[in-house]
Protein backbone atom coordinates (compact mmCIF):
# COMPACT_ATOMS: atom_id res chain seq x y z
CA MET A 1 109.01 -207.64 -26.10
CA ILE A 2 111.64 -206.14 -23.83
CA PRO A 3 114.94 -208.21 -24.01
CA VAL A 4 116.19 -208.66 -20.54
CA ARG A 5 120.00 -207.45 -20.39
CA GLY A 6 122.61 -208.49 -17.93
CA TYR A 7 122.20 -212.21 -17.88
CA GLU A 8 123.75 -213.20 -21.18
CA GLY A 9 124.68 -216.81 -21.09
CA LYS A 10 123.44 -217.31 -17.64
CA LYS A 11 120.92 -219.92 -16.54
CA ILE A 12 117.78 -218.31 -15.10
CA ALA A 13 114.84 -220.26 -13.55
CA VAL A 14 111.40 -219.11 -14.24
CA LEU A 15 108.77 -220.35 -11.71
CA GLY A 16 105.00 -219.92 -12.56
CA LEU A 17 104.10 -220.28 -16.21
CA GLY A 18 101.09 -218.00 -16.38
CA ARG A 19 101.11 -214.95 -18.53
CA SER A 20 103.92 -212.94 -16.74
CA GLY A 21 106.15 -216.17 -16.48
CA LEU A 22 105.99 -217.04 -20.11
CA ALA A 23 106.64 -213.45 -21.04
CA ALA A 24 109.78 -213.34 -18.64
CA ALA A 25 111.23 -216.59 -20.14
CA ARG A 26 110.79 -215.19 -23.72
CA ALA A 27 112.28 -211.95 -22.67
CA LEU A 28 115.14 -213.69 -20.97
CA GLU A 29 115.85 -215.69 -23.94
CA ALA A 30 115.50 -212.63 -26.34
CA GLY A 31 118.36 -211.18 -24.26
CA GLY A 32 120.72 -214.10 -24.51
CA ALA A 33 119.94 -215.93 -21.15
CA ILE A 34 119.00 -219.55 -20.80
CA ALA A 35 115.53 -219.79 -19.54
CA LEU A 36 114.74 -222.70 -17.32
CA CYS A 37 111.13 -223.09 -16.70
CA TRP A 38 108.92 -224.76 -14.22
CA ASP A 39 105.42 -224.83 -12.83
CA ASP A 40 103.89 -227.49 -10.37
CA SER A 41 100.96 -227.60 -12.71
CA PRO A 42 101.25 -230.27 -15.49
CA GLU A 43 98.95 -228.14 -17.82
CA ALA A 44 101.02 -225.18 -17.34
CA ARG A 45 104.18 -227.26 -18.06
CA ALA A 46 102.73 -228.82 -21.24
CA GLY A 47 101.65 -225.31 -22.45
CA ALA A 48 105.14 -223.81 -22.00
CA GLU A 49 106.82 -226.90 -23.66
CA ALA A 50 104.57 -226.52 -26.62
CA ALA A 51 105.58 -222.96 -26.85
CA GLY A 52 109.28 -224.18 -27.13
CA LEU A 53 110.19 -223.27 -23.72
CA THR A 54 112.73 -225.42 -21.79
CA LEU A 55 111.54 -227.18 -18.58
CA HIS A 56 113.56 -227.58 -15.49
CA ASP A 57 112.04 -229.61 -12.62
CA LEU A 58 112.98 -227.49 -9.49
CA SER A 59 112.26 -230.04 -7.14
CA ARG A 60 114.92 -232.46 -8.12
CA PRO A 61 118.28 -232.68 -6.36
CA GLY A 62 120.88 -230.14 -7.83
CA ALA A 63 118.15 -228.10 -9.78
CA PHE A 64 119.49 -224.82 -8.30
CA ASP A 65 123.23 -225.58 -9.17
CA GLY A 66 124.59 -222.98 -11.46
CA LEU A 67 121.42 -220.74 -11.48
CA ALA A 68 122.15 -217.03 -11.57
CA ALA A 69 118.56 -216.11 -10.33
CA LEU A 70 115.06 -217.31 -9.93
CA ILE A 71 112.20 -215.30 -11.41
CA THR A 72 108.98 -216.01 -9.87
CA SER A 73 105.43 -215.05 -10.79
CA PRO A 74 103.46 -212.46 -8.46
CA GLY A 75 100.91 -214.95 -7.41
CA ILE A 76 103.42 -217.26 -5.76
CA PRO A 77 104.04 -216.59 -1.98
CA HIS A 78 107.66 -215.88 -1.23
CA LEU A 79 107.32 -214.92 2.29
CA TYR A 80 103.70 -215.12 3.80
CA PRO A 81 101.93 -217.12 5.00
CA ALA A 82 104.90 -219.16 3.99
CA PRO A 83 107.48 -219.09 1.13
CA ASN A 84 106.84 -221.49 -1.73
CA ARG A 85 108.81 -224.49 -1.40
CA HIS A 86 111.02 -223.61 -4.58
CA ILE A 87 111.66 -220.00 -3.39
CA ALA A 88 112.54 -221.17 0.04
CA ARG A 89 115.17 -223.42 -1.71
CA ALA A 90 116.43 -220.42 -3.71
CA TYR A 91 116.86 -218.59 -0.33
CA ALA A 92 118.80 -221.52 1.18
CA MET A 93 120.95 -221.74 -1.98
CA GLY A 94 121.76 -217.98 -2.03
CA VAL A 95 120.07 -217.69 -5.41
CA PRO A 96 118.75 -214.13 -5.93
CA VAL A 97 114.76 -214.07 -6.33
CA ASP A 98 113.23 -211.51 -8.59
CA ASN A 99 110.03 -211.00 -10.64
CA ASP A 100 109.23 -209.58 -14.22
CA VAL A 101 108.79 -206.08 -12.92
CA GLY A 102 112.23 -206.07 -11.42
CA LEU A 103 113.50 -207.43 -14.88
CA PHE A 104 111.56 -204.75 -16.60
CA PHE A 105 113.10 -201.80 -14.73
CA ARG A 106 116.56 -203.33 -15.14
CA ALA A 107 116.25 -203.74 -18.90
CA PHE A 108 113.76 -200.92 -20.18
CA ALA A 109 116.32 -198.05 -20.63
CA THR A 110 118.99 -198.70 -23.41
CA PRO A 111 121.90 -196.74 -25.04
CA GLU A 112 119.70 -195.83 -27.88
CA TRP A 113 117.74 -193.48 -25.73
CA ASP A 114 120.70 -191.19 -26.26
CA ARG A 115 119.34 -190.35 -29.72
CA PHE A 116 115.88 -189.63 -28.69
CA ASP A 117 114.62 -186.07 -28.52
CA GLN A 118 112.26 -186.81 -25.61
CA THR A 119 113.30 -189.41 -23.12
CA PRO A 120 110.79 -192.19 -22.33
CA LYS A 121 109.07 -192.13 -19.05
CA VAL A 122 107.52 -194.53 -16.77
CA ILE A 123 104.27 -193.89 -14.78
CA ALA A 124 103.83 -196.56 -12.18
CA VAL A 125 100.38 -196.66 -10.17
CA THR A 126 99.58 -198.63 -6.85
CA GLY A 127 97.18 -198.59 -4.21
CA SER A 128 94.24 -200.72 -2.96
CA ASN A 129 91.49 -199.54 -5.01
CA GLY A 130 91.17 -197.55 -8.23
CA LYS A 131 94.60 -198.41 -9.55
CA SER A 132 93.23 -200.06 -12.82
CA THR A 133 91.04 -197.25 -13.64
CA THR A 134 93.67 -194.70 -12.85
CA SER A 135 96.22 -196.44 -15.06
CA ALA A 136 93.65 -196.68 -17.81
CA LEU A 137 92.63 -193.16 -17.51
CA ILE A 138 96.18 -192.04 -17.64
CA HIS A 139 96.68 -194.11 -20.80
CA HIS A 140 93.39 -193.01 -22.20
CA ILE A 141 94.49 -189.18 -21.88
CA LEU A 142 97.62 -189.77 -23.41
CA GLU A 143 96.16 -191.64 -26.35
CA ASP A 144 93.37 -189.15 -26.69
CA LEU A 145 96.17 -186.47 -27.05
CA GLY A 146 98.04 -188.23 -29.57
CA ARG A 147 101.11 -189.22 -27.26
CA PRO A 148 102.92 -192.59 -27.83
CA THR A 149 101.88 -194.59 -24.90
CA GLN A 150 101.75 -198.23 -23.70
CA LEU A 151 99.65 -199.83 -20.88
CA ALA A 152 100.80 -203.01 -18.95
CA GLY A 153 101.51 -204.56 -15.57
CA ASN A 154 98.53 -205.86 -13.49
CA ILE A 155 96.30 -204.76 -16.40
CA GLY A 156 96.40 -205.73 -20.08
CA ARG A 157 99.82 -206.84 -21.25
CA GLY A 158 102.74 -208.32 -19.01
CA VAL A 159 105.49 -205.64 -18.60
CA LEU A 160 107.95 -207.60 -20.64
CA ASP A 161 105.54 -207.97 -23.41
CA LEU A 162 105.81 -204.26 -24.11
CA ASP A 163 107.49 -202.95 -27.19
CA PRO A 164 110.91 -201.38 -26.79
CA ALA A 165 110.36 -197.60 -26.14
CA GLY A 166 110.22 -194.97 -28.66
CA ASP A 167 111.06 -191.24 -28.77
CA GLY A 168 108.81 -189.71 -26.11
CA ASP A 169 107.01 -193.03 -25.30
CA VAL A 170 105.11 -193.13 -21.95
CA VAL A 171 104.68 -196.44 -20.27
CA VAL A 172 101.83 -196.74 -17.54
CA LEU A 173 102.12 -199.49 -15.28
CA GLU A 174 99.46 -200.79 -12.91
CA LEU A 175 101.49 -202.63 -10.23
CA SER A 176 100.09 -204.59 -7.22
CA SER A 177 101.52 -205.19 -3.90
CA TYR A 178 102.49 -208.61 -5.04
CA GLN A 179 104.76 -206.96 -7.79
CA THR A 180 106.12 -204.11 -6.05
CA GLU A 181 107.14 -206.21 -2.92
CA LEU A 182 109.66 -208.52 -4.63
CA ALA A 183 110.91 -206.42 -7.48
CA ARG A 184 114.61 -205.84 -7.11
CA ALA A 185 114.56 -202.63 -9.42
CA LEU A 186 111.74 -200.13 -9.10
CA THR A 187 112.62 -196.83 -10.85
CA PRO A 188 109.48 -195.09 -12.12
CA ASP A 189 109.69 -191.49 -13.28
CA ILE A 190 106.33 -190.91 -11.86
CA ALA A 191 104.76 -192.78 -9.04
CA VAL A 192 101.09 -192.70 -7.88
CA PHE A 193 99.47 -194.05 -4.78
CA THR A 194 95.61 -194.07 -4.94
CA ASN A 195 94.74 -195.22 -1.39
CA LEU A 196 95.09 -197.89 1.15
CA SER A 197 92.50 -200.25 2.66
CA PRO A 198 92.98 -203.70 4.27
CA ASP A 199 93.41 -206.37 1.50
CA HIS A 200 95.86 -209.47 0.99
CA LEU A 201 96.77 -209.31 4.66
CA ASP A 202 97.61 -213.15 4.79
CA ARG A 203 100.03 -212.45 1.89
CA HIS A 204 101.86 -209.54 3.65
CA GLY A 205 101.66 -210.56 7.28
CA GLY A 206 99.30 -207.80 8.20
CA LEU A 207 98.28 -204.25 7.11
CA GLY A 208 101.82 -202.85 7.88
CA GLY A 209 103.25 -205.38 5.57
CA TYR A 210 100.92 -204.58 2.92
CA PHE A 211 101.49 -200.91 3.21
CA ALA A 212 105.43 -201.46 3.21
CA ALA A 213 104.84 -203.46 -0.18
CA LYS A 214 103.16 -200.28 -1.65
CA ARG A 215 105.70 -197.93 -0.15
CA ARG A 216 108.65 -199.63 -1.78
CA LEU A 217 107.42 -197.98 -5.10
CA PHE A 218 108.32 -194.64 -3.60
CA ALA A 219 110.99 -195.11 -0.98
CA GLU A 220 113.07 -197.45 -3.12
CA GLY A 221 112.03 -196.14 -6.51
CA GLY A 222 112.71 -192.48 -6.12
CA PRO A 223 110.44 -191.07 -8.56
CA ASP A 224 111.00 -187.52 -9.94
CA ARG A 225 107.22 -186.90 -8.90
CA ALA A 226 105.12 -188.52 -6.37
CA ILE A 227 101.15 -188.36 -6.60
CA ILE A 228 99.75 -189.39 -3.34
CA GLY A 229 96.12 -189.81 -2.12
CA VAL A 230 96.03 -188.39 1.50
CA ASP A 231 92.58 -189.53 2.59
CA GLU A 232 94.17 -192.10 4.91
CA ALA A 233 96.98 -191.88 7.37
CA GLU A 234 99.27 -194.00 5.32
CA GLY A 235 99.00 -191.68 2.51
CA GLN A 236 99.67 -188.78 4.80
CA PHE A 237 102.71 -190.42 6.10
CA LEU A 238 104.00 -191.24 2.56
CA ALA A 239 103.52 -187.82 1.26
CA ASP A 240 105.41 -186.37 4.27
CA GLN A 241 108.10 -188.86 3.89
CA MET A 242 108.68 -188.01 0.14
CA GLY A 243 108.64 -184.29 0.50
CA GLU A 244 111.27 -181.95 1.80
CA GLY A 245 108.89 -179.25 2.96
CA PRO A 246 105.39 -177.84 2.50
CA GLY A 247 106.24 -176.18 -0.81
CA ASP A 248 107.92 -179.20 -2.31
CA ASP A 249 105.98 -179.59 -5.56
CA ARG A 250 107.73 -182.93 -6.47
CA VAL A 251 104.90 -184.23 -4.28
CA ILE A 252 101.30 -183.84 -5.48
CA ARG A 253 98.75 -184.51 -2.92
CA VAL A 254 95.26 -185.85 -4.01
CA SER A 255 91.87 -185.95 -2.06
CA VAL A 256 88.21 -186.65 -2.21
CA ALA A 257 87.73 -186.01 1.29
CA GLN A 258 88.79 -182.42 1.87
CA LYS A 259 89.85 -179.26 0.38
CA LEU A 260 93.87 -179.20 0.26
CA THR A 261 95.51 -175.90 1.17
CA GLY A 262 99.08 -174.77 1.52
CA PRO A 263 101.94 -173.70 -0.72
CA GLY A 264 102.49 -177.17 -2.49
CA TRP A 265 100.87 -178.75 -5.39
CA GLN A 266 97.34 -180.33 -4.80
CA VAL A 267 94.44 -181.89 -6.72
CA PHE A 268 91.32 -182.71 -5.01
CA ALA A 269 87.60 -183.04 -5.81
CA ARG A 270 84.74 -181.70 -3.93
CA LYS A 271 80.90 -181.91 -4.92
CA GLY A 272 81.81 -183.16 -8.35
CA PHE A 273 84.48 -180.60 -9.00
CA LEU A 274 88.02 -181.27 -9.57
CA SER A 275 90.31 -178.37 -8.57
CA GLU A 276 94.16 -177.82 -8.93
CA TYR A 277 95.98 -175.52 -6.59
CA ARG A 278 99.62 -174.59 -6.79
CA LYS A 279 101.37 -172.28 -4.13
CA GLY A 280 98.03 -171.60 -2.62
CA ARG A 281 96.11 -170.48 -5.70
CA GLN A 282 93.72 -172.29 -7.93
CA VAL A 283 95.05 -172.85 -11.32
CA ALA A 284 92.15 -175.21 -12.88
CA SER A 285 88.75 -176.46 -12.21
CA ILE A 286 86.86 -179.24 -13.87
CA ASP A 287 83.25 -180.24 -13.64
CA LEU A 288 83.26 -184.14 -13.41
CA ARG A 289 79.63 -184.62 -12.71
CA ALA A 290 78.43 -185.26 -16.21
CA MET A 291 81.24 -187.61 -17.18
CA LYS A 292 79.50 -190.94 -17.54
CA GLY A 293 82.64 -192.89 -17.54
CA LEU A 294 83.59 -191.52 -14.11
CA PRO A 295 80.70 -191.98 -11.71
CA GLY A 296 80.84 -191.49 -7.99
CA ARG A 297 83.49 -190.13 -5.55
CA HIS A 298 85.79 -193.04 -6.01
CA ASN A 299 86.01 -192.44 -9.66
CA HIS A 300 86.64 -188.79 -8.91
CA GLN A 301 89.71 -189.69 -6.84
CA ASN A 302 90.76 -191.75 -9.97
CA ALA A 303 90.23 -188.73 -12.16
CA CYS A 304 92.34 -186.56 -9.73
CA ALA A 305 95.19 -188.82 -9.68
CA ALA A 306 95.18 -189.30 -13.51
CA TYR A 307 94.86 -185.50 -14.01
CA ALA A 308 98.00 -184.85 -11.76
CA ALA A 309 99.91 -187.43 -13.52
CA ALA A 310 98.97 -185.74 -16.89
CA ARG A 311 100.06 -182.28 -15.56
CA THR A 312 103.32 -183.64 -14.57
CA LEU A 313 103.85 -184.48 -18.28
CA GLY A 314 103.07 -180.96 -19.15
CA LEU A 315 99.55 -181.38 -20.67
CA ALA A 316 97.17 -178.30 -20.28
CA PRO A 317 93.93 -178.65 -18.06
CA ARG A 318 91.48 -178.23 -20.92
CA GLN A 319 93.30 -180.93 -23.07
CA ILE A 320 92.80 -183.15 -19.96
CA GLU A 321 89.32 -182.37 -19.45
CA ALA A 322 88.36 -183.18 -22.93
CA ALA A 323 90.04 -186.62 -22.67
CA LEU A 324 88.25 -187.17 -19.20
CA ALA A 325 85.21 -186.53 -20.73
CA SER A 326 85.52 -189.28 -23.46
CA PHE A 327 86.71 -191.95 -21.19
CA THR A 328 83.97 -194.71 -21.17
CA GLY A 329 85.32 -196.67 -18.17
CA LEU A 330 86.74 -200.28 -17.78
CA PRO A 331 84.86 -203.44 -17.92
CA HIS A 332 83.77 -204.77 -14.41
CA ARG A 333 84.34 -201.41 -12.75
CA SER A 334 81.21 -199.22 -12.66
CA GLN A 335 80.42 -200.56 -16.03
CA LEU A 336 76.99 -199.64 -17.27
CA VAL A 337 75.67 -202.78 -18.89
CA ALA A 338 72.16 -202.06 -19.94
CA GLN A 339 69.16 -199.79 -19.20
CA LYS A 340 65.57 -200.76 -19.38
CA ASP A 341 62.39 -199.10 -18.11
CA GLY A 342 64.09 -196.67 -16.15
CA VAL A 343 66.25 -199.23 -14.44
CA ALA A 344 70.17 -199.27 -14.80
CA PHE A 345 72.28 -202.30 -14.47
CA VAL A 346 75.88 -201.75 -13.45
CA ASN A 347 78.66 -204.22 -13.35
CA ASP A 348 81.44 -203.56 -10.64
CA SER A 349 82.55 -206.92 -10.01
CA LYS A 350 86.17 -205.67 -9.36
CA ALA A 351 84.59 -204.38 -6.03
CA THR A 352 86.39 -207.33 -4.19
CA ASN A 353 86.41 -205.79 -0.85
CA ALA A 354 84.47 -203.69 1.50
CA ASP A 355 86.14 -200.39 0.75
CA SER A 356 85.56 -200.65 -2.90
CA ALA A 357 82.28 -201.92 -2.69
CA ALA A 358 81.46 -198.88 -0.38
CA ALA A 359 82.59 -196.59 -3.04
CA ALA A 360 80.23 -198.20 -5.50
CA LEU A 361 77.38 -198.07 -2.97
CA GLN A 362 77.90 -194.19 -2.75
CA ALA A 363 77.97 -193.74 -6.42
CA PHE A 364 74.34 -194.27 -7.01
CA ASP A 365 71.08 -192.83 -5.29
CA ARG A 366 68.76 -196.04 -5.10
CA LEU A 367 70.08 -199.45 -5.48
CA ARG A 368 69.20 -203.19 -5.85
CA TRP A 369 72.51 -204.56 -4.56
CA ILE A 370 74.06 -207.96 -5.71
CA ALA A 371 76.80 -208.99 -3.16
CA GLY A 372 78.55 -212.16 -1.96
CA GLY A 373 81.38 -214.54 -3.08
CA LEU A 374 84.26 -215.63 -0.98
CA GLY A 375 84.20 -213.09 1.89
CA LYS A 376 87.08 -211.48 3.29
CA GLU A 377 88.01 -210.77 6.94
CA GLY A 378 85.22 -208.77 8.55
CA GLY A 379 82.86 -209.34 5.86
CA ILE A 380 80.54 -206.50 5.02
CA ALA A 381 80.23 -205.09 8.68
CA ALA A 382 82.15 -201.90 7.57
CA LEU A 383 79.44 -201.16 4.88
CA ALA A 384 76.72 -200.36 7.54
CA PRO A 385 77.13 -196.51 7.17
CA HIS A 386 76.60 -196.80 3.22
CA LEU A 387 73.62 -199.02 3.14
CA GLY A 388 71.01 -196.14 3.10
CA HIS A 389 70.78 -196.19 -0.57
CA VAL A 390 70.16 -199.97 -0.81
CA ALA A 391 66.38 -200.83 -1.37
CA LYS A 392 67.43 -204.60 -1.06
CA ALA A 393 70.31 -206.80 -1.24
CA TYR A 394 70.55 -210.11 -3.11
CA LEU A 395 73.12 -212.24 -1.69
CA ILE A 396 75.18 -215.02 -3.63
CA GLY A 397 77.90 -217.63 -3.02
CA HIS A 398 79.77 -218.89 -0.16
CA SER A 399 79.47 -215.82 2.32
CA ALA A 400 75.59 -215.09 1.39
CA ARG A 401 74.26 -216.12 4.92
CA GLU A 402 77.25 -214.64 6.73
CA PHE A 403 76.65 -211.30 4.94
CA ALA A 404 72.94 -211.66 5.71
CA LEU A 405 73.82 -211.51 9.42
CA GLN A 406 75.54 -208.18 8.95
CA LEU A 407 72.93 -206.38 7.05
CA GLY A 408 70.70 -205.49 10.04
CA ASP A 409 67.55 -203.83 8.85
CA THR A 410 68.54 -203.68 5.23
CA PRO A 411 66.14 -205.97 3.19
CA HIS A 412 67.77 -208.84 1.76
CA GLU A 413 67.16 -212.27 0.03
CA ILE A 414 69.66 -215.06 -0.20
CA CYS A 415 69.80 -215.94 -4.03
CA GLU A 416 72.89 -218.22 -4.03
CA THR A 417 73.35 -217.92 -7.87
CA MET A 418 73.97 -214.88 -9.99
CA GLU A 419 71.28 -216.02 -12.40
CA GLN A 420 68.73 -215.98 -9.53
CA ALA A 421 70.01 -212.69 -7.90
CA VAL A 422 69.80 -210.99 -11.36
CA ALA A 423 66.26 -212.15 -11.96
CA ARG A 424 64.95 -211.18 -8.51
CA ALA A 425 66.58 -207.77 -8.54
CA ALA A 426 65.35 -207.10 -12.11
CA ALA A 427 61.83 -208.13 -11.12
CA GLU A 428 61.59 -205.96 -8.08
CA ALA A 429 63.57 -202.86 -9.40
CA GLU A 430 61.43 -199.64 -9.92
CA PRO A 431 62.23 -196.82 -12.53
CA GLY A 432 65.04 -194.75 -11.29
CA GLU A 433 66.89 -197.53 -9.56
CA THR A 434 70.12 -199.29 -10.14
CA VAL A 435 70.85 -202.84 -10.01
CA LEU A 436 74.51 -203.03 -8.99
CA LEU A 437 76.84 -205.93 -8.78
CA ALA A 438 79.41 -204.85 -6.21
CA PRO A 439 80.23 -208.27 -4.38
CA ALA A 440 82.55 -206.93 -1.53
CA ALA A 441 84.11 -210.47 -1.76
CA ALA A 442 86.45 -212.65 -3.92
CA SER A 443 85.13 -214.57 -6.90
CA PHE A 444 86.88 -217.96 -6.27
CA ASP A 445 83.99 -219.82 -4.73
CA GLN A 446 82.01 -219.89 -7.90
CA TYR A 447 84.19 -218.18 -10.66
CA ALA A 448 87.84 -218.43 -11.87
CA ASP A 449 88.23 -214.63 -11.41
CA PHE A 450 86.32 -211.33 -10.90
CA GLU A 451 86.17 -211.01 -14.78
CA ALA A 452 84.38 -214.30 -15.09
CA ARG A 453 81.83 -213.18 -12.30
CA GLY A 454 81.32 -209.92 -14.19
CA GLU A 455 80.75 -211.75 -17.58
CA ASP A 456 78.22 -213.92 -15.91
CA PHE A 457 76.33 -210.90 -14.59
CA ILE A 458 76.29 -209.27 -17.93
CA ARG A 459 75.07 -212.57 -19.62
CA HIS A 460 72.06 -212.64 -17.36
CA VAL A 461 71.24 -208.91 -17.66
CA LYS A 462 71.39 -209.10 -21.33
CA ALA A 463 69.11 -212.20 -21.37
CA LEU A 464 66.46 -210.27 -19.39
CA THR A 465 66.93 -206.74 -21.17
CA GLY A 466 67.27 -207.90 -24.58
C-alpha cells in the first residue's frame, strides 16, 4: 500500500467503493487522514462497512462541511454528460475533487528515496487501443530481465495498492482517459501514447475532450521521455507539442503505418519487422512475425511502444527481443484459446470498438467472426474495408440486427447468444480458418464486463474442443 501523505488529520470523502475507492480509503487512513466513505449502492456500502471503513452519507445536509477533498472513482462522471450529484455539490462547496491516480503521484516519492542507488521510475501508458497489452508487455520485459517492477492502474492492482517503491523499482501504470482527466497530479518519468480512435465520447463531450484527457498526461505531466504513436493526426500534434525540434530525442515517435525518418528517435514496424532509428541511422531490427503472443499489426504497434520504453531504461535490443519472444499475451486480447482439426479459436473480447476490432480482423487470414453486443456510435460501418478476410459473421447481443444491416455482402447469421454463435462457427469452420471473438461493441447488454464475455466464449469453445 502507498500511504497518502499531506492529509494528516483531515477529513477526506471517498465516493465510489469499488476496487480503486476501497484502496484509496485504506491508503488515506494509512497516511493519517480520516476517510469518510460513500457509495449510492447499498451493497457497496455494506462491503466497505464490513471492511472496517467509516460510512458518511454525502447526500445529507452538512455532509461536505469540514471536508478537505473528495476522492472519486474513475467510473463516476464528473463533467459530461452531467456531473454526479455529489461531485456537483463538491464543486458548489469549493471542495477539491481528485482521484486515486492524483493521490498516487502526490504520495509515491518519499524522502527515503535519497538513500537509493537508482531512483524509482514511473512509466504511464494511455491511448485508445493497446494500452493494456503495451503496459503488460513493458512489465513482462522488465520481469524477464530481472528488474524490480510493479504493474497497476487500469490493469491488475489499483495504484494505491502498490508496494512502496524499492531501489531501482519501475512502476508501469495503464491509465484510462477517465483517470487522466481528473487527476490533480500527473508526473510520470516516461509517458506512452499508443493511438487515438473515437471512444467514450459522451463521457468527454466529444472527440476533442477525449483527446484532451489523454493529452494531460503529457502536457501537465512533463515526462522526461514521451513515446507517441504518430499514425493519427492527434499523435502527430502531440509529438510536435512535446518536442523542441526535429532532433529532440526526448520524444520517440512510433508507427506501424509508415517508415519514420529524420534526425530524431523513431521506432516503427513494417512487414513484421521492428526497426529502431536514431539520428537517421538504423540501430536495431527485430523480426516479430514468429512471436505468437504478438499477432497482427496492432500488436506490432504495442511491441514498438514497449520496446521504446525499455530502451529509455537502458536495456539492449537483444535483451528486449528475447523478452518479446516469451510474451504469451493477455487474456481477452488476441488470446489463443484452442486449436482443433486445423481451426484456431481466438478470444479478443477486449475489442470493444470498431478500431480495435479492425486490428483483430487484420491479424488473421480467414475468419469466422463473432461480433455484437451493445453497439457504439457508428456501429461497424467503419469495418467495411476489413471484411475481406471474413468467411462469415455470427452476430450476438443487442446490436446483432443493426450490425447485420452494415455487413453488406458479407455472409452472416444472427445467433443472439454466445453459445449458439460458437457452435455455428465451429460447425462451419474449415481447416486453416480462425474463429475470432472481436465484438466491436460493449458487453453490458449480456455481461458484466468484457472479461465475463471472454470467459463465456472460452467456456463454450472448451466444451466443443475438449
